[in-house]
Amino acid sequence: MKCFYCNKEVRWNNDFDTEDTNPESEHNIVSMYQCDNCQTWYEVYHDKKIKYNG
């Protein structure tokens, strides 16, 4: 993945289960990335939770 600001490669840091970090999130996983060139930090949310009615 390229940095949106300086176009250098970003480095993956961690993946977290959002149940541990943010239970109200609409997603199950958040991935953390950082650009070592310009120090931009990215939090990428994925695996959207399925909502059940009832």
PDB file of N, CA and C in Angstrom:
ATOM      1  N   MET A   1       0.851  -1.169   0.000  1.00  0.00           N
ATOM      2  CA  MET A   1       0.000   0.000   0.000  1.00  0.00           C
ATOM      3  C   MET A   1       0.898   1.234   0.000  1.00  0.00           C
ATOM      4  N   LYS A   2       0.543   2.204  -0.807  1.00  0.00           N
ATOM      5  CA  LYS A   2       1.325   3.446  -0.903  1.00  0.00           C
ATOM      6  C   LYS A   2       0.713   4.531  -0.023  1.00  0.00           C
ATOM      7  N   CYS A   3       1.564   5.383   0.517  1.00  0.00           N
ATOM      8  CA  CYS A   3       1.122   6.519   1.314  1.00  0.00           C
ATOM      9  C   CYS A   3       0.384   7.514   0.421  1.00  0.00           C
ATOM     10  N   PHE A   4      -0.738   8.021   0.914  1.00  0.00           N
ATOM     11  CA  PHE A   4      -1.524   8.997   0.156  1.00  0.00           C
ATOM     12  C   PHE A   4      -0.813  10.336   0.026  1.00  0.00           C
ATOM     13  N   TYR A   5       0.128  10.619   0.915  1.00  0.00           N
ATOM     14  CA  TYR A   5       0.772  11.935   0.944  1.00  0.00           C
ATOM     15  C   TYR A   5       2.114  11.980   0.220  1.00  0.00           C
ATOM     16  N   CYS A   6       2.942  10.953   0.439  1.00  0.00           N
ATOM     17  CA  CYS A   6       4.281  11.007  -0.172  1.00  0.00           C
ATOM     18  C   CYS A   6       4.528   9.882  -1.180  1.00  0.00           C
ATOM     19  N   ASN A   7       3.572   8.979  -1.332  1.00  0.00           N
ATOM     20  CA  ASN A   7       3.626   7.893  -2.307  1.00  0.00           C
ATOM     21  C   ASN A   7       4.705   6.841  -2.033  1.00  0.00           C
ATOM     22  N   LYS A   8       5.202   6.771  -0.808  1.00  0.00           N
ATOM     23  CA  LYS A   8       6.149   5.717  -0.413  1.00  0.00           C
ATOM     24  C   LYS A   8       5.360   4.542   0.156  1.00  0.00           C
ATOM     25  N   GLU A   9       5.992   3.388   0.254  1.00  0.00           N
ATOM     26  CA  GLU A   9       5.340   2.213   0.835  1.00  0.00           C
ATOM     27  C   GLU A   9       5.077   2.436   2.324  1.00  0.00           C
ATOM     28  N   VAL A  10       3.913   1.975   2.782  1.00  0.00           N
ATOM     29  CA  VAL A  10       3.618   2.033   4.212  1.00  0.00           C
ATOM     30  C   VAL A  10       3.903   0.667   4.837  1.00  0.00           C
ATOM     31  N   ARG A  11       4.171   0.690   6.122  1.00  0.00           N
ATOM     32  CA  ARG A  11       4.548  -0.515   6.857  1.00  0.00           C
ATOM     33  C   ARG A  11       3.387  -0.952   7.746  1.00  0.00           C
ATOM     34  N   TRP A  12       3.051  -2.254   7.677  1.00  0.00           N
ATOM     35  CA  TRP A  12       2.025  -2.808   8.548  1.00  0.00           C
ATOM     36  C   TRP A  12       2.590  -2.908   9.962  1.00  0.00           C
ATOM     37  N   ASN A  13       1.774  -2.522  10.963  1.00  0.00           N
ATOM     38  CA  ASN A  13       2.194  -2.618  12.361  1.00  0.00           C
ATOM     39  C   ASN A  13       1.449  -3.715  13.110  1.00  0.00           C
ATOM     40  N   ASN A  14       0.122  -3.652  13.126  1.00  0.00           N
ATOM     41  CA  ASN A  14      -0.675  -4.603  13.898  1.00  0.00           C
ATOM     42  C   ASN A  14      -2.067  -4.738  13.320  1.00  0.00           C
ATOM     43  N   ASP A  15      -2.719  -5.831  13.709  1.00  0.00           N
ATOM     44  CA  ASP A  15      -4.151  -6.012  13.513  1.00  0.00           C
ATOM     45  C   ASP A  15      -4.761  -6.165  14.894  1.00  0.00           C
ATOM     46  N   PHE A  16      -5.931  -5.554  15.101  1.00  0.00           N
ATOM     47  CA  PHE A  16      -6.614  -5.660  16.385  1.00  0.00           C
ATOM     48  C   PHE A  16      -8.050  -6.096  16.183  1.00  0.00           C
ATOM     49  N   ASP A  17      -8.543  -6.888  17.102  1.00  0.00           N
ATOM     50  CA  ASP A  17      -9.948  -7.251  17.157  1.00  0.00           C
ATOM     51  C   ASP A  17     -10.684  -6.069  17.759  1.00  0.00           C
ATOM     52  N   THR A  18     -11.639  -5.500  17.043  1.00  0.00           N
ATOM     53  CA  THR A  18     -12.311  -4.302  17.539  1.00  0.00           C
ATOM     54  C   THR A  18     -13.173  -4.573  18.771  1.00  0.00           C
ATOM     55  N   GLU A  19     -13.490  -5.835  19.046  1.00  0.00           N
ATOM     56  CA  GLU A  19     -14.215  -6.155  20.278  1.00  0.00           C
ATOM     57  C   GLU A  19     -13.368  -5.777  21.494  1.00  0.00           C
ATOM     58  N   ASP A  20     -12.044  -5.807  21.336  1.00  0.00           N
ATOM     59  CA  ASP A  20     -11.126  -5.447  22.422  1.00  0.00           C
ATOM     60  C   ASP A  20     -10.840  -3.948  22.470  1.00  0.00           C
ATOM     61  N   THR A  21     -10.821  -3.295  21.317  1.00  0.00           N
ATOM     62  CA  THR A  21     -10.404  -1.891  21.256  1.00  0.00           C
ATOM     63  C   THR A  21     -11.553  -0.901  21.131  1.00  0.00           C
ATOM     64  N   ASN A  22     -12.615  -1.302  20.411  1.00  0.00           N
ATOM     65  CA  ASN A  22     -13.750  -0.405  20.176  1.00  0.00           C
ATOM     66  C   ASN A  22     -14.998  -1.255  19.908  1.00  0.00           C
ATOM     67  N   PRO A  23     -15.645  -1.778  20.950  1.00  0.00           N
ATOM     68  CA  PRO A  23     -16.786  -2.689  20.763  1.00  0.00           C
ATOM     69  C   PRO A  23     -17.939  -2.104  19.951  1.00  0.00           C
ATOM     70  N   GLU A  24     -18.075  -0.784  19.877  1.00  0.00           N
ATOM     71  CA  GLU A  24     -19.159  -0.158  19.125  1.00  0.00           C
ATOM     72  C   GLU A  24     -18.864  -0.063  17.627  1.00  0.00           C
ATOM     73  N   SER A  25     -17.669  -0.455  17.209  1.00  0.00           N
ATOM     74  CA  SER A  25     -17.281  -0.365  15.801  1.00  0.00           C
ATOM     75  C   SER A  25     -18.182  -1.240  14.933  1.00  0.00           C
ATOM     76  N   GLU A  26     -18.375  -0.822  13.688  1.00  0.00           N
ATOM     77  CA  GLU A  26     -19.151  -1.598  12.727  1.00  0.00           C
ATOM     78  C   GLU A  26     -18.311  -2.682  12.048  1.00  0.00           C
ATOM     79  N   HIS A  27     -17.034  -2.780  12.411  1.00  0.00           N
ATOM     80  CA  HIS A  27     -16.124  -3.737  11.786  1.00  0.00           C
ATOM     81  C   HIS A  27     -15.511  -4.654  12.846  1.00  0.00           C
ATOM     82  N   ASN A  28     -14.992  -5.798  12.399  1.00  0.00           N
ATOM     83  CA  ASN A  28     -14.387  -6.768  13.310  1.00  0.00           C
ATOM     84  C   ASN A  28     -12.893  -6.549  13.536  1.00  0.00           C
ATOM     85  N   ILE A  29     -12.211  -6.010  12.534  1.00  0.00           N
ATOM     86  CA  ILE A  29     -10.744  -5.905  12.585  1.00  0.00           C
ATOM     87  C   ILE A  29     -10.310  -4.498  12.188  1.00  0.00           C
ATOM     88  N   VAL A  30      -9.300  -3.983  12.882  1.00  0.00           N
ATOM     89  CA  VAL A  30      -8.651  -2.745  12.469  1.00  0.00           C
ATOM     90  C   VAL A  30      -7.164  -3.045  12.287  1.00  0.00           C
ATOM     91  N   SER A  31      -6.608  -2.631  11.153  1.00  0.00           N
ATOM     92  CA  SER A  31      -5.198  -2.818  10.843  1.00  0.00           C
ATOM     93  C   SER A  31      -4.496  -1.467  10.913  1.00  0.00           C
ATOM     94  N   MET A  32      -3.309  -1.460  11.493  1.00  0.00           N
ATOM     95  CA  MET A  32      -2.531  -0.234  11.663  1.00  0.00           C
ATOM     96  C   MET A  32      -1.335  -0.237  10.716  1.00  0.00           C
ATOM     97  N   TYR A  33      -1.192   0.865   9.999  1.00  0.00           N
ATOM     98  CA  TYR A  33      -0.078   1.049   9.070  1.00  0.00           C
ATOM     99  C   TYR A  33       0.573   2.396   9.327  1.00  0.00           C
ATOM    100  N   GLN A  34       1.875   2.486   9.009  1.00  0.00           N
ATOM    101  CA  GLN A  34       2.594   3.738   9.181  1.00  0.00           C
ATOM    102  C   GLN A  34       3.547   3.951   8.022  1.00  0.00           C
ATOM    103  N   CYS A  35       3.640   5.203   7.598  1.00  0.00           N
ATOM    104  CA  CYS A  35       4.624   5.580   6.591  1.00  0.00           C
ATOM    105  C   CYS A  35       5.892   6.021   7.316  1.00  0.00           C
ATOM    106  N   ASP A  36       6.975   5.321   7.061  1.00  0.00           N
ATOM    107  CA  ASP A  36       8.245   5.673   7.710  1.00  0.00           C
ATOM    108  C   ASP A  36       8.858   6.939   7.123  1.00  0.00           C
ATOM    109  N   ASN A  37       8.417   7.315   5.934  1.00  0.00           N
ATOM    110  CA  ASN A  37       8.956   8.518   5.301  1.00  0.00           C
ATOM    111  C   ASN A  37       8.364   9.799   5.892  1.00  0.00           C
ATOM    112  N   CYS A  38       7.028   9.869   5.994  1.00  0.00           N
ATOM    113  CA  CYS A  38       6.393  11.119   6.458  1.00  0.00           C
ATOM    114  C   CYS A  38       5.627  10.951   7.779  1.00  0.00           C
ATOM    115  N   GLN A  39       5.692   9.761   8.366  1.00  0.00           N
ATOM    116  CA  GLN A  39       5.094   9.466   9.678  1.00  0.00           C
ATOM    117  C   GLN A  39       3.568   9.499   9.696  1.00  0.00           C
ATOM    118  N   THR A  40       2.938   9.393   8.523  1.00  0.00           N
ATOM    119  CA  THR A  40       1.478   9.323   8.482  1.00  0.00           C
ATOM    120  C   THR A  40       1.027   7.970   9.030  1.00  0.00           C
ATOM    121  N   TRP A  41      -0.051   7.992   9.811  1.00  0.00           N
ATOM    122  CA  TRP A  41      -0.589   6.797  10.456  1.00  0.00           C
ATOM    123  C   TRP A  41      -1.934   6.469   9.828  1.00  0.00           C
ATOM    124  N   TYR A  42      -2.136   5.196   9.501  1.00  0.00           N
ATOM    125  CA  TYR A  42      -3.392   4.754   8.897  1.00  0.00           C
ATOM    126  C   TYR A  42      -4.034   3.690   9.775  1.00  0.00           C
ATOM    127  N   GLU A  43      -5.348   3.804   9.953  1.00  0.00           N
ATOM    128  CA  GLU A  43      -6.145   2.773  10.607  1.00  0.00           C
ATOM    129  C   GLU A  43      -7.159   2.294   9.573  1.00  0.00           C
ATOM    130  N   VAL A  44      -7.048   1.048   9.173  1.00  0.00           N
ATOM    131  CA  VAL A  44      -7.905   0.491   8.138  1.00  0.00           C
ATOM    132  C   VAL A  44      -8.872  -0.500   8.783  1.00  0.00           C
ATOM    133  N   TYR A  45     -10.155  -0.189   8.725  1.00  0.00           N
ATOM    134  CA  TYR A  45     -11.188  -1.045   9.291  1.00  0.00           C
ATOM    135  C   TYR A  45     -11.731  -1.966   8.207  1.00  0.00           C
ATOM    136  N   HIS A  46     -11.838  -3.263   8.537  1.00  0.00           N
ATOM    137  CA  HIS A  46     -12.373  -4.209   7.554  1.00  0.00           C
ATOM    138  C   HIS A  46     -13.122  -5.341   8.242  1.00  0.00           C
ATOM    139  N   ASP A  47     -13.723  -6.193   7.443  1.00  0.00           N
ATOM    140  CA  ASP A  47     -14.565  -7.292   7.901  1.00  0.00           C
ATOM    141  C   ASP A  47     -15.775  -6.746   8.663  1.00  0.00           C
ATOM    142  N   LYS A  48     -16.678  -6.127   7.905  1.00  0.00           N
ATOM    143  CA  LYS A  48     -17.855  -5.496   8.492  1.00  0.00           C
ATOM    144  C   LYS A  48     -18.712  -6.521   9.241  1.00  0.00           C
ATOM    145  N   LYS A  49     -19.177  -6.120  10.432  1.00  0.00           N
ATOM    146  CA  LYS A  49     -20.004  -6.989  11.269  1.00  0.00           C
ATOM    147  C   LYS A  49     -21.371  -7.184  10.628  1.00  0.00           C
ATOM    148  N   ILE A  50     -21.917  -8.352  10.825  1.00  0.00           N
ATOM    149  CA  ILE A  50     -23.270  -8.651  10.368  1.00  0.00           C
ATOM    150  C   ILE A  50     -24.235  -8.301  11.486  1.00  0.00           C
ATOM    151  N   LYS A  51     -25.229  -7.489  11.156  1.00  0.00           N
ATOM    152  CA  LYS A  51     -26.231  -7.091  12.148  1.00  0.00           C
ATOM    153  C   LYS A  51     -27.459  -7.977  11.997  1.00  0.00           C
ATOM    154  N   TYR A  52     -27.915  -8.500  13.120  1.00  0.00           N
ATOM    155  CA  TYR A  52     -29.106  -9.338  13.133  1.00  0.00           C
ATOM    156  C   TYR A  52     -30.266  -8.576  13.738  1.00  0.00           C
ATOM    157  N   ASN A  53     -31.415  -8.677  13.136  1.00  0.00           N
ATOM    158  CA  ASN A  53     -32.629  -8.060  13.682  1.00  0.00           C
ATOM    159  C   ASN A  53     -33.305  -9.059  14.606  1.00  0.00           C
ATOM    160  N   GLY A  54     -33.519  -8.626  15.841  1.00  0.00           N
ATOM    161  CA  GLY A  54     -34.216  -9.518  16.752  1.00  0.00           C
ATOM    162  C   GLY A  54     -33.652  -9.634  18.076  1.00  0.00           C
TER     163      GLY A  54
END
